[in-house]
Amino acid sequence: MKQRLLALAIALLSAGWVLPLWCGVEAWLTFWQRGGTASLQGGPPGDSFPYLAFASACSKVASVWLAVAIGIWAYLGARACLRQMR
């Protein structure tokens, strides 16, 4: 049971950043599909949802998550290499 939970945590750390990135890209595309050019030119917005702010926040979360995952894997890889050199 512990190994399954550990495997799930590793998988979530490694690939979980894709979900917030996907949500951000989807919000960005929805903004443009619903007349984003009209609202940027001063026209009435087609919707009151802040698509671009949400897309930006999702992208930031995904970027930080990816940076943490890369940092952890780099640390573990470097530690394993140093162990083998001893």
PDB file of N, CA and C in Angstrom:
ATOM      1  N   MET A   1       0.823  -1.197   0.000  1.00  0.00           N
ATOM      2  CA  MET A   1       0.000   0.000   0.000  1.00  0.00           C
ATOM      3  C   MET A   1       0.867   1.261   0.000  1.00  0.00           C
ATOM      4  N   LYS A   2       1.934   1.235   0.797  1.00  0.00           N
ATOM      5  CA  LYS A   2       2.818   2.400   0.848  1.00  0.00           C
ATOM      6  C   LYS A   2       3.506   2.633  -0.490  1.00  0.00           C
ATOM      7  N   GLN A   3       3.887   1.536  -1.154  1.00  0.00           N
ATOM      8  CA  GLN A   3       4.566   1.678  -2.444  1.00  0.00           C
ATOM      9  C   GLN A   3       3.629   2.240  -3.505  1.00  0.00           C
ATOM     10  N   ARG A   4       2.359   1.870  -3.450  1.00  0.00           N
ATOM     11  CA  ARG A   4       1.391   2.416  -4.408  1.00  0.00           C
ATOM     12  C   ARG A   4       1.180   3.906  -4.180  1.00  0.00           C
ATOM     13  N   LEU A   5       1.096   4.299  -2.934  1.00  0.00           N
ATOM     14  CA  LEU A   5       0.938   5.724  -2.629  1.00  0.00           C
ATOM     15  C   LEU A   5       2.173   6.515  -3.046  1.00  0.00           C
ATOM     16  N   LEU A   6       3.344   5.933  -2.832  1.00  0.00           N
ATOM     17  CA  LEU A   6       4.576   6.591  -3.255  1.00  0.00           C
ATOM     18  C   LEU A   6       4.636   6.701  -4.774  1.00  0.00           C
ATOM     19  N   ALA A   7       4.245   5.634  -5.467  1.00  0.00           N
ATOM     20  CA  ALA A   7       4.231   5.668  -6.934  1.00  0.00           C
ATOM     21  C   ALA A   7       3.237   6.704  -7.441  1.00  0.00           C
ATOM     22  N   LEU A   8       2.088   6.814  -6.790  1.00  0.00           N
ATOM     23  CA  LEU A   8       1.094   7.820  -7.174  1.00  0.00           C
ATOM     24  C   LEU A   8       1.619   9.229  -6.938  1.00  0.00           C
ATOM     25  N   ALA A   9       2.291   9.441  -5.814  1.00  0.00           N
ATOM     26  CA  ALA A   9       2.863  10.760  -5.523  1.00  0.00           C
ATOM     27  C   ALA A   9       3.947  11.126  -6.534  1.00  0.00           C
ATOM     28  N   ILE A  10       4.774  10.166  -6.906  1.00  0.00           N
ATOM     29  CA  ILE A  10       5.829  10.426  -7.893  1.00  0.00           C
ATOM     30  C   ILE A  10       5.220  10.755  -9.250  1.00  0.00           C
ATOM     31  N   ALA A  11       4.193  10.005  -9.636  1.00  0.00           N
ATOM     32  CA  ALA A  11       3.534  10.275 -10.919  1.00  0.00           C
ATOM     33  C   ALA A  11       2.865  11.642 -10.911  1.00  0.00           C
ATOM     34  N   LEU A  12       2.231  11.992  -9.806  1.00  0.00           N
ATOM     35  CA  LEU A  12       1.572  13.298  -9.701  1.00  0.00           C
ATOM     36  C   LEU A  12       2.585  14.429  -9.730  1.00  0.00           C
ATOM     37  N   LEU A  13       3.704  14.256  -9.062  1.00  0.00           N
ATOM     38  CA  LEU A  13       4.748  15.276  -9.089  1.00  0.00           C
ATOM     39  C   LEU A  13       5.324  15.424 -10.491  1.00  0.00           C
ATOM     40  N   SER A  14       5.530  14.310 -11.162  1.00  0.00           N
ATOM     41  CA  SER A  14       6.191  14.330 -12.461  1.00  0.00           C
ATOM     42  C   SER A  14       5.306  14.860 -13.581  1.00  0.00           C
ATOM     43  N   ALA A  15       4.047  14.495 -13.582  1.00  0.00           N
ATOM     44  CA  ALA A  15       3.191  14.836 -14.720  1.00  0.00           C
ATOM     45  C   ALA A  15       1.989  15.697 -14.360  1.00  0.00           C
ATOM     46  N   GLY A  16       1.810  16.013 -13.104  1.00  0.00           N
ATOM     47  CA  GLY A  16       0.635  16.770 -12.690  1.00  0.00           C
ATOM     48  C   GLY A  16       0.584  18.196 -13.198  1.00  0.00           C
ATOM     49  N   TRP A  17       1.731  18.752 -13.577  1.00  0.00           N
ATOM     50  CA  TRP A  17       1.774  20.130 -14.063  1.00  0.00           C
ATOM     51  C   TRP A  17       1.046  20.293 -15.389  1.00  0.00           C
ATOM     52  N   VAL A  18       0.787  19.183 -16.082  1.00  0.00           N
ATOM     53  CA  VAL A  18       0.115  19.266 -17.379  1.00  0.00           C
ATOM     54  C   VAL A  18      -1.330  19.749 -17.214  1.00  0.00           C
ATOM     55  N   LEU A  19      -2.003  19.367 -16.147  1.00  0.00           N
ATOM     56  CA  LEU A  19      -3.400  19.753 -15.953  1.00  0.00           C
ATOM     57  C   LEU A  19      -3.581  21.264 -15.820  1.00  0.00           C
ATOM     58  N   PRO A  20      -2.848  21.963 -14.948  1.00  0.00           N
ATOM     59  CA  PRO A  20      -3.037  23.417 -14.909  1.00  0.00           C
ATOM     60  C   PRO A  20      -2.615  24.110 -16.204  1.00  0.00           C
ATOM     61  N   LEU A  21      -1.611  23.567 -16.879  1.00  0.00           N
ATOM     62  CA  LEU A  21      -1.219  24.156 -18.162  1.00  0.00           C
ATOM     63  C   LEU A  21      -2.326  23.980 -19.193  1.00  0.00           C
ATOM     64  N   TRP A  22      -2.922  22.801 -19.220  1.00  0.00           N
ATOM     65  CA  TRP A  22      -4.024  22.548 -20.143  1.00  0.00           C
ATOM     66  C   TRP A  22      -5.198  23.478 -19.848  1.00  0.00           C
ATOM     67  N   CYS A  23      -5.528  23.672 -18.562  1.00  0.00           N
ATOM     68  CA  CYS A  23      -6.617  24.588 -18.196  1.00  0.00           C
ATOM     69  C   CYS A  23      -6.310  26.010 -18.648  1.00  0.00           C
ATOM     70  N   GLY A  24      -5.066  26.432 -18.505  1.00  0.00           N
ATOM     71  CA  GLY A  24      -4.681  27.771 -18.935  1.00  0.00           C
ATOM     72  C   GLY A  24      -4.780  27.953 -20.431  1.00  0.00           C
ATOM     73  N   VAL A  25      -4.311  26.980 -21.182  1.00  0.00           N
ATOM     74  CA  VAL A  25      -4.393  27.061 -22.648  1.00  0.00           C
ATOM     75  C   VAL A  25      -5.852  27.032 -23.087  1.00  0.00           C
ATOM     76  N   GLU A  26      -6.647  26.204 -22.452  1.00  0.00           N
ATOM     77  CA  GLU A  26      -8.071  26.125 -22.785  1.00  0.00           C
ATOM     78  C   GLU A  26      -8.777  27.456 -22.506  1.00  0.00           C
ATOM     79  N   ALA A  27      -8.457  28.100 -21.392  1.00  0.00           N
ATOM     80  CA  ALA A  27      -9.059  29.402 -21.081  1.00  0.00           C
ATOM     81  C   ALA A  27      -8.614  30.460 -22.080  1.00  0.00           C
ATOM     82  N   TRP A  28      -7.357  30.422 -22.464  1.00  0.00           N
ATOM     83  CA  TRP A  28      -6.843  31.387 -23.448  1.00  0.00           C
ATOM     84  C   TRP A  28      -7.542  31.210 -24.788  1.00  0.00           C
ATOM     85  N   LEU A  29      -7.690  29.963 -25.225  1.00  0.00           N
ATOM     86  CA  LEU A  29      -8.372  29.695 -26.493  1.00  0.00           C
ATOM     87  C   LEU A  29      -9.847  30.077 -26.427  1.00  0.00           C
ATOM     88  N   THR A  30     -10.490  29.831 -25.288  1.00  0.00           N
ATOM     89  CA  THR A  30     -11.889  30.205 -25.125  1.00  0.00           C
ATOM     90  C   THR A  30     -12.057  31.715 -25.198  1.00  0.00           C
ATOM     91  N   PHE A  31     -11.111  32.456 -24.629  1.00  0.00           N
ATOM     92  CA  PHE A  31     -11.157  33.918 -24.708  1.00  0.00           C
ATOM     93  C   PHE A  31     -11.192  34.371 -26.158  1.00  0.00           C
ATOM     94  N   TRP A  32     -10.338  33.792 -26.983  1.00  0.00           N
ATOM     95  CA  TRP A  32     -10.280  34.205 -28.385  1.00  0.00           C
ATOM     96  C   TRP A  32     -11.474  33.702 -29.179  1.00  0.00           C
ATOM     97  N   GLN A  33     -12.019  32.566 -28.825  1.00  0.00           N
ATOM     98  CA  GLN A  33     -13.187  32.042 -29.532  1.00  0.00           C
ATOM     99  C   GLN A  33     -14.444  32.843 -29.224  1.00  0.00           C
ATOM    100  N   ARG A  34     -14.510  33.452 -28.062  1.00  0.00           N
ATOM    101  CA  ARG A  34     -15.704  34.201 -27.663  1.00  0.00           C
ATOM    102  C   ARG A  34     -15.580  35.692 -27.931  1.00  0.00           C
ATOM    103  N   GLY A  35     -14.763  36.065 -28.865  1.00  0.00           N
ATOM    104  CA  GLY A  35     -14.685  37.470 -29.241  1.00  0.00           C
ATOM    105  C   GLY A  35     -13.709  38.273 -28.427  1.00  0.00           C
ATOM    106  N   GLY A  36     -12.551  37.744 -28.185  1.00  0.00           N
ATOM    107  CA  GLY A  36     -11.538  38.453 -27.408  1.00  0.00           C
ATOM    108  C   GLY A  36     -11.048  39.712 -28.088  1.00  0.00           C
ATOM    109  N   THR A  37     -11.048  39.721 -29.401  1.00  0.00           N
ATOM    110  CA  THR A  37     -10.575  40.916 -30.112  1.00  0.00           C
ATOM    111  C   THR A  37     -11.504  42.094 -29.881  1.00  0.00           C
ATOM    112  N   ALA A  38     -12.804  41.855 -29.775  1.00  0.00           N
ATOM    113  CA  ALA A  38     -13.750  42.951 -29.543  1.00  0.00           C
ATOM    114  C   ALA A  38     -13.524  43.586 -28.175  1.00  0.00           C
ATOM    115  N   SER A  39     -13.295  42.768 -27.166  1.00  0.00           N
ATOM    116  CA  SER A  39     -13.096  43.330 -25.827  1.00  0.00           C
ATOM    117  C   SER A  39     -11.749  44.032 -25.708  1.00  0.00           C
ATOM    118  N   LEU A  40     -10.753  43.588 -26.461  1.00  0.00           N
ATOM    119  CA  LEU A  40      -9.457  44.271 -26.438  1.00  0.00           C
ATOM    120  C   LEU A  40      -9.519  45.620 -27.143  1.00  0.00           C
ATOM    121  N   GLN A  41     -10.445  45.780 -28.078  1.00  0.00           N
ATOM    122  CA  GLN A  41     -10.585  47.037 -28.807  1.00  0.00           C
ATOM    123  C   GLN A  41     -11.576  47.976 -28.137  1.00  0.00           C
ATOM    124  N   GLY A  42     -12.001  47.659 -26.944  1.00  0.00           N
ATOM    125  CA  GLY A  42     -12.879  48.543 -26.188  1.00  0.00           C
ATOM    126  C   GLY A  42     -14.347  48.219 -26.330  1.00  0.00           C
ATOM    127  N   GLY A  43     -14.682  47.185 -27.049  1.00  0.00           N
ATOM    128  CA  GLY A  43     -16.073  46.787 -27.216  1.00  0.00           C
ATOM    129  C   GLY A  43     -16.583  46.076 -25.975  1.00  0.00           C
ATOM    130  N   PRO A  44     -17.858  45.739 -25.996  1.00  0.00           N
ATOM    131  CA  PRO A  44     -18.416  45.038 -24.828  1.00  0.00           C
ATOM    132  C   PRO A  44     -17.882  43.612 -24.756  1.00  0.00           C
ATOM    133  N   PRO A  45     -17.482  43.195 -23.581  1.00  0.00           N
ATOM    134  CA  PRO A  45     -16.997  41.815 -23.452  1.00  0.00           C
ATOM    135  C   PRO A  45     -18.156  40.842 -23.610  1.00  0.00           C
ATOM    136  N   GLY A  46     -17.877  39.717 -24.224  1.00  0.00           N
ATOM    137  CA  GLY A  46     -18.913  38.720 -24.421  1.00  0.00           C
ATOM    138  C   GLY A  46     -19.222  37.937 -23.159  1.00  0.00           C
ATOM    139  N   ASP A  47     -18.367  38.032 -22.181  1.00  0.00           N
ATOM    140  CA  ASP A  47     -18.502  37.233 -20.969  1.00  0.00           C
ATOM    141  C   ASP A  47     -17.805  37.973 -19.835  1.00  0.00           C
ATOM    142  N   SER A  48     -18.254  37.766 -18.605  1.00  0.00           N
ATOM    143  CA  SER A  48     -17.630  38.467 -17.482  1.00  0.00           C
ATOM    144  C   SER A  48     -16.502  37.667 -16.834  1.00  0.00           C
ATOM    145  N   PHE A  49     -16.276  36.437 -17.292  1.00  0.00           N
ATOM    146  CA  PHE A  49     -15.215  35.617 -16.708  1.00  0.00           C
ATOM    147  C   PHE A  49     -13.851  36.153 -17.139  1.00  0.00           C
ATOM    148  N   PRO A  50     -12.915  36.318 -16.206  1.00  0.00           N
ATOM    149  CA  PRO A  50     -11.580  36.843 -16.558  1.00  0.00           C
ATOM    150  C   PRO A  50     -10.690  35.757 -17.170  1.00  0.00           C
ATOM    151  N   TYR A  51     -10.921  35.461 -18.440  1.00  0.00           N
ATOM    152  CA  TYR A  51     -10.212  34.363 -19.109  1.00  0.00           C
ATOM    153  C   TYR A  51      -8.702  34.552 -19.092  1.00  0.00           C
ATOM    154  N   LEU A  52      -8.239  35.749 -19.428  1.00  0.00           N
ATOM    155  CA  LEU A  52      -6.791  35.955 -19.525  1.00  0.00           C
ATOM    156  C   LEU A  52      -6.117  35.895 -18.156  1.00  0.00           C
ATOM    157  N   ALA A  53      -6.764  36.428 -17.130  1.00  0.00           N
ATOM    158  CA  ALA A  53      -6.196  36.350 -15.778  1.00  0.00           C
ATOM    159  C   ALA A  53      -6.150  34.899 -15.300  1.00  0.00           C
ATOM    160  N   PHE A  54      -7.199  34.150 -15.595  1.00  0.00           N
ATOM    161  CA  PHE A  54      -7.228  32.735 -15.216  1.00  0.00           C
ATOM    162  C   PHE A  54      -6.164  31.946 -15.970  1.00  0.00           C
ATOM    163  N   ALA A  55      -6.026  32.228 -17.268  1.00  0.00           N
ATOM    164  CA  ALA A  55      -5.004  31.545 -18.069  1.00  0.00           C
ATOM    165  C   ALA A  55      -3.609  31.861 -17.546  1.00  0.00           C
ATOM    166  N   SER A  56      -3.389  33.110 -17.160  1.00  0.00           N
ATOM    167  CA  SER A  56      -2.092  33.505 -16.619  1.00  0.00           C
ATOM    168  C   SER A  56      -1.806  32.794 -15.296  1.00  0.00           C
ATOM    169  N   ALA A  57      -2.799  32.745 -14.429  1.00  0.00           N
ATOM    170  CA  ALA A  57      -2.613  32.080 -13.134  1.00  0.00           C
ATOM    171  C   ALA A  57      -2.337  30.587 -13.317  1.00  0.00           C
ATOM    172  N   CYS A  58      -3.071  29.948 -14.213  1.00  0.00           N
ATOM    173  CA  CYS A  58      -2.847  28.517 -14.472  1.00  0.00           C
ATOM    174  C   CYS A  58      -1.456  28.270 -15.031  1.00  0.00           C
ATOM    175  N   SER A  59      -1.019  29.139 -15.919  1.00  0.00           N
ATOM    176  CA  SER A  59       0.317  28.980 -16.501  1.00  0.00           C
ATOM    177  C   SER A  59       1.401  29.152 -15.447  1.00  0.00           C
ATOM    178  N   LYS A  60       1.194  30.088 -14.527  1.00  0.00           N
ATOM    179  CA  LYS A  60       2.171  30.284 -13.453  1.00  0.00           C
ATOM    180  C   LYS A  60       2.239  29.066 -12.539  1.00  0.00           C
ATOM    181  N   VAL A  61       1.086  28.523 -12.185  1.00  0.00           N
ATOM    182  CA  VAL A  61       1.056  27.328 -11.337  1.00  0.00           C
ATOM    183  C   VAL A  61       1.764  26.172 -12.035  1.00  0.00           C
ATOM    184  N   ALA A  62       1.479  25.981 -13.321  1.00  0.00           N
ATOM    185  CA  ALA A  62       2.112  24.896 -14.075  1.00  0.00           C
ATOM    186  C   ALA A  62       3.618  25.096 -14.176  1.00  0.00           C
ATOM    187  N   SER A  63       4.057  26.335 -14.372  1.00  0.00           N
ATOM    188  CA  SER A  63       5.494  26.607 -14.489  1.00  0.00           C
ATOM    189  C   SER A  63       6.224  26.332 -13.181  1.00  0.00           C
ATOM    190  N   VAL A  64       5.642  26.766 -12.075  1.00  0.00           N
ATOM    191  CA  VAL A  64       6.264  26.519 -10.768  1.00  0.00           C
ATOM    192  C   VAL A  64       6.284  25.019 -10.480  1.00  0.00           C
ATOM    193  N   TRP A  65       5.193  24.349 -10.761  1.00  0.00           N
ATOM    194  CA  TRP A  65       5.106  22.902 -10.545  1.00  0.00           C
ATOM    195  C   TRP A  65       6.167  22.176 -11.362  1.00  0.00           C
ATOM    196  N   LEU A  66       6.313  22.549 -12.636  1.00  0.00           N
ATOM    197  CA  LEU A  66       7.318  21.924 -13.497  1.00  0.00           C
ATOM    198  C   LEU A  66       8.727  22.210 -12.989  1.00  0.00           C
ATOM    199  N   ALA A  67       8.981  23.437 -12.549  1.00  0.00           N
ATOM    200  CA  ALA A  67      10.304  23.779 -12.026  1.00  0.00           C
ATOM    201  C   ALA A  67      10.631  22.958 -10.778  1.00  0.00           C
ATOM    202  N   VAL A  68       9.654  22.783  -9.907  1.00  0.00           N
ATOM    203  CA  VAL A  68       9.868  21.970  -8.705  1.00  0.00           C
ATOM    204  C   VAL A  68      10.138  20.517  -9.090  1.00  0.00           C
ATOM    205  N   ALA A  69       9.366  19.987 -10.031  1.00  0.00           N
ATOM    206  CA  ALA A  69       9.570  18.599 -10.463  1.00  0.00           C
ATOM    207  C   ALA A  69      10.952  18.414 -11.079  1.00  0.00           C
ATOM    208  N   ILE A  70      11.364  19.337 -11.936  1.00  0.00           N
ATOM    209  CA  ILE A  70      12.695  19.244 -12.544  1.00  0.00           C
ATOM    210  C   ILE A  70      13.778  19.361 -11.479  1.00  0.00           C
ATOM    211  N   GLY A  71      13.595  20.271 -10.536  1.00  0.00           N
ATOM    212  CA  GLY A  71      14.575  20.435  -9.465  1.00  0.00           C
ATOM    213  C   GLY A  71      14.722  19.186  -8.615  1.00  0.00           C
ATOM    214  N   ILE A  72      13.606  18.576  -8.278  1.00  0.00           N
ATOM    215  CA  ILE A  72      13.664  17.359  -7.462  1.00  0.00           C
ATOM    216  C   ILE A  72      14.328  16.219  -8.231  1.00  0.00           C
ATOM    217  N   TRP A  73      13.951  16.037  -9.503  1.00  0.00           N
ATOM    218  CA  TRP A  73      14.562  14.966 -10.291  1.00  0.00           C
ATOM    219  C   TRP A  73      16.037  15.227 -10.542  1.00  0.00           C
ATOM    220  N   ALA A  74      16.419  16.476 -10.730  1.00  0.00           N
ATOM    221  CA  ALA A  74      17.842  16.793 -10.913  1.00  0.00           C
ATOM    222  C   ALA A  74      18.625  16.503  -9.635  1.00  0.00           C
ATOM    223  N   TYR A  75      18.053  16.856  -8.499  1.00  0.00           N
ATOM    224  CA  TYR A  75      18.706  16.582  -7.221  1.00  0.00           C
ATOM    225  C   TYR A  75      18.871  15.078  -7.008  1.00  0.00           C
ATOM    226  N   LEU A  76      17.805  14.325  -7.257  1.00  0.00           N
ATOM    227  CA  LEU A  76      17.882  12.875  -7.070  1.00  0.00           C
ATOM    228  C   LEU A  76      18.868  12.235  -8.045  1.00  0.00           C
ATOM    229  N   GLY A  77      18.903  12.723  -9.277  1.00  0.00           N
ATOM    230  CA  GLY A  77      19.854  12.194 -10.254  1.00  0.00           C
ATOM    231  C   GLY A  77      21.287  12.507  -9.882  1.00  0.00           C
ATOM    232  N   ALA A  78      21.537  13.727  -9.444  1.00  0.00           N
ATOM    233  CA  ALA A  78      22.892  14.107  -9.038  1.00  0.00           C
ATOM    234  C   ALA A  78      23.328  13.315  -7.812  1.00  0.00           C
ATOM    235  N   ARG A  79      22.410  13.119  -6.880  1.00  0.00           N
ATOM    236  CA  ARG A  79      22.732  12.345  -5.680  1.00  0.00           C
ATOM    237  C   ARG A  79      23.069  10.898  -6.032  1.00  0.00           C
ATOM    238  N   ALA A  80      22.334  10.316  -6.972  1.00  0.00           N
ATOM    239  CA  ALA A  80      22.611   8.939  -7.393  1.00  0.00           C
ATOM    240  C   ALA A  80      23.958   8.848  -8.103  1.00  0.00           C
ATOM    241  N   CYS A  81      24.286   9.840  -8.922  1.00  0.00           N
ATOM    242  CA  CYS A  81      25.591   9.846  -9.606  1.00  0.00           C
ATOM    243  C   CYS A  81      26.732   9.969  -8.609  1.00  0.00           C
ATOM    244  N   LEU A  82      26.571  10.824  -7.626  1.00  0.00           N
ATOM    245  CA  LEU A  82      27.616  10.996  -6.621  1.00  0.00           C
ATOM    246  C   LEU A  82      27.798   9.734  -5.787  1.00  0.00           C
ATOM    247  N   ARG A  83      26.708   9.028  -5.524  1.00  0.00           N
ATOM    248  CA  ARG A  83      26.809   7.778  -4.777  1.00  0.00           C
ATOM    249  C   ARG A  83      27.602   6.733  -5.550  1.00  0.00           C
ATOM    250  N   GLN A  84      27.394   6.670  -6.860  1.00  0.00           N
ATOM    251  CA  GLN A  84      28.096   5.674  -7.667  1.00  0.00           C
ATOM    252  C   GLN A  84      29.564   6.022  -7.828  1.00  0.00           C
ATOM    253  N   MET A  85      29.913   7.275  -7.712  1.00  0.00           N
ATOM    254  CA  MET A  85      31.308   7.689  -7.860  1.00  0.00           C
ATOM    255  C   MET A  85      32.123   7.337  -6.628  1.00  0.00           C
ATOM    256  N   ARG A  86      31.492   7.103  -5.503  1.00  0.00           N
ATOM    257  CA  ARG A  86      32.207   6.790  -4.259  1.00  0.00           C
ATOM    258  C   ARG A  86      32.714   5.391  -4.238  1.00  0.00           C
TER     259      ARG A  86
END
